[in-house]
Amino acid sequence: MIKKATIATAVLATLAACGPISAERAADLCEDEARKAVGPTGEIGIGVNSGGDVTNRIEIGISSDFLLGKDPEQVYADCVRRRTGQAPIRPLEL
């Protein structure tokens, strides 16, 4: 039978992992979110493997913030507040 203390410890550890992140980490994550609000993002890759076959890859990303026409500065500020409960510690750098 599992002891109540073990269950309580597991629950507390899980909740701690969901806690707020550092202001610096939030700023980094939220800058990426704000960049996506500026416009579509994408990558194109072309290569040749050792067998001489040509390979290619195309990725295109469009965020809902971009589609809704949201201001990247506001996306950044809202994101930091949501993650830390505080105002951003640095201005947005795109």
Protein backbone atom coordinates (compact mmCIF):
# COMPACT_ATOMS: atom_id res chain seq x y z
CA MET A 1 0.00 0.00 0.00
CA ILE A 2 1.31 3.47 -0.90
CA LYS A 3 1.75 5.78 2.04
CA LYS A 4 -0.08 9.09 2.18
CA ALA A 5 3.25 10.94 2.54
CA THR A 6 4.48 9.47 -0.75
CA ILE A 7 1.34 10.57 -2.55
CA ALA A 8 1.55 14.05 -1.02
CA THR A 9 5.20 14.35 -2.07
CA ALA A 10 4.35 13.34 -5.64
CA VAL A 11 1.49 15.86 -5.82
CA LEU A 12 3.67 18.68 -4.46
CA ALA A 13 6.48 17.87 -6.91
CA THR A 14 4.01 17.96 -9.80
CA LEU A 15 2.57 21.30 -8.70
CA ALA A 16 6.06 22.78 -8.26
CA ALA A 17 6.86 21.92 -11.90
CA CYS A 18 3.84 23.97 -12.98
CA GLY A 19 4.92 27.02 -10.99
CA PRO A 20 6.08 30.35 -12.37
CA ILE A 21 9.26 30.50 -14.41
CA SER A 22 12.03 33.06 -14.11
CA ALA A 23 11.46 36.50 -15.60
CA GLU A 24 14.44 35.99 -17.92
CA ARG A 25 13.14 32.67 -19.26
CA ALA A 26 9.65 34.14 -19.71
CA ALA A 27 11.11 37.05 -21.69
CA ASP A 28 12.94 34.63 -24.00
CA LEU A 29 9.86 32.48 -24.60
CA CYS A 30 7.59 35.48 -25.05
CA GLU A 31 9.94 37.17 -27.53
CA ASP A 32 9.54 34.07 -29.71
CA GLU A 33 5.76 34.32 -29.36
CA ALA A 34 5.85 38.02 -30.30
CA ARG A 35 8.03 37.30 -33.37
CA LYS A 36 5.36 34.90 -34.60
CA ALA A 37 2.78 37.70 -34.31
CA VAL A 38 4.77 39.83 -36.78
CA GLY A 39 4.13 37.53 -39.73
CA PRO A 40 4.40 34.04 -41.13
CA THR A 41 7.55 32.09 -40.34
CA GLY A 42 9.19 29.39 -42.36
CA GLU A 43 12.16 27.31 -43.35
CA ILE A 44 13.32 25.78 -46.58
CA GLY A 45 15.95 23.05 -46.68
CA ILE A 46 17.56 21.37 -49.67
CA GLY A 47 20.24 18.71 -49.52
CA VAL A 48 21.85 15.79 -51.28
CA ASN A 49 22.39 12.51 -49.46
CA SER A 50 25.32 10.12 -49.96
CA GLY A 51 23.32 8.19 -52.57
CA GLY A 52 22.99 11.32 -54.72
CA ASP A 53 19.30 11.76 -53.98
CA VAL A 54 18.05 15.31 -53.55
CA THR A 55 15.99 15.93 -50.42
CA ASN A 56 13.95 18.97 -49.54
CA ARG A 57 11.85 20.27 -46.71
CA ILE A 58 9.48 23.23 -46.41
CA GLU A 59 7.85 24.48 -43.20
CA ILE A 60 5.47 27.41 -42.90
CA GLY A 61 3.99 28.65 -39.63
CA ILE A 62 1.25 31.21 -39.06
CA SER A 63 0.27 32.15 -35.52
CA SER A 64 -3.25 32.98 -34.41
CA ASP A 65 -1.90 36.28 -33.02
CA PHE A 66 -0.79 37.23 -36.54
CA LEU A 67 -4.14 36.20 -38.05
CA LEU A 68 -5.98 38.28 -35.42
CA GLY A 69 -3.75 41.30 -36.14
CA LYS A 70 -2.44 41.56 -32.59
CA ASP A 71 0.36 43.99 -31.76
CA PRO A 72 3.60 42.04 -31.09
CA GLU A 73 4.43 44.39 -28.18
CA GLN A 74 1.11 43.57 -26.53
CA VAL A 75 1.53 39.84 -27.24
CA TYR A 76 4.93 40.00 -25.51
CA ALA A 77 3.66 41.93 -22.46
CA ASP A 78 0.59 39.70 -22.05
CA CYS A 79 2.70 36.56 -22.36
CA VAL A 80 5.20 37.67 -19.69
CA ARG A 81 2.38 38.63 -17.31
CA ARG A 82 0.66 35.29 -17.88
CA ARG A 83 3.85 33.34 -17.17
CA THR A 84 5.28 35.36 -14.27
CA GLY A 85 2.50 37.56 -12.91
CA GLN A 86 4.76 40.57 -13.44
CA ALA A 87 5.51 43.17 -16.11
CA PRO A 88 8.35 42.38 -18.55
CA ILE A 89 11.87 42.95 -17.20
CA ARG A 90 13.18 44.12 -20.58
CA PRO A 91 11.75 45.65 -23.74
CA LEU A 92 10.84 43.46 -26.68
CA GLU A 93 13.66 42.94 -29.18
CA LEU A 94 12.50 41.48 -32.47
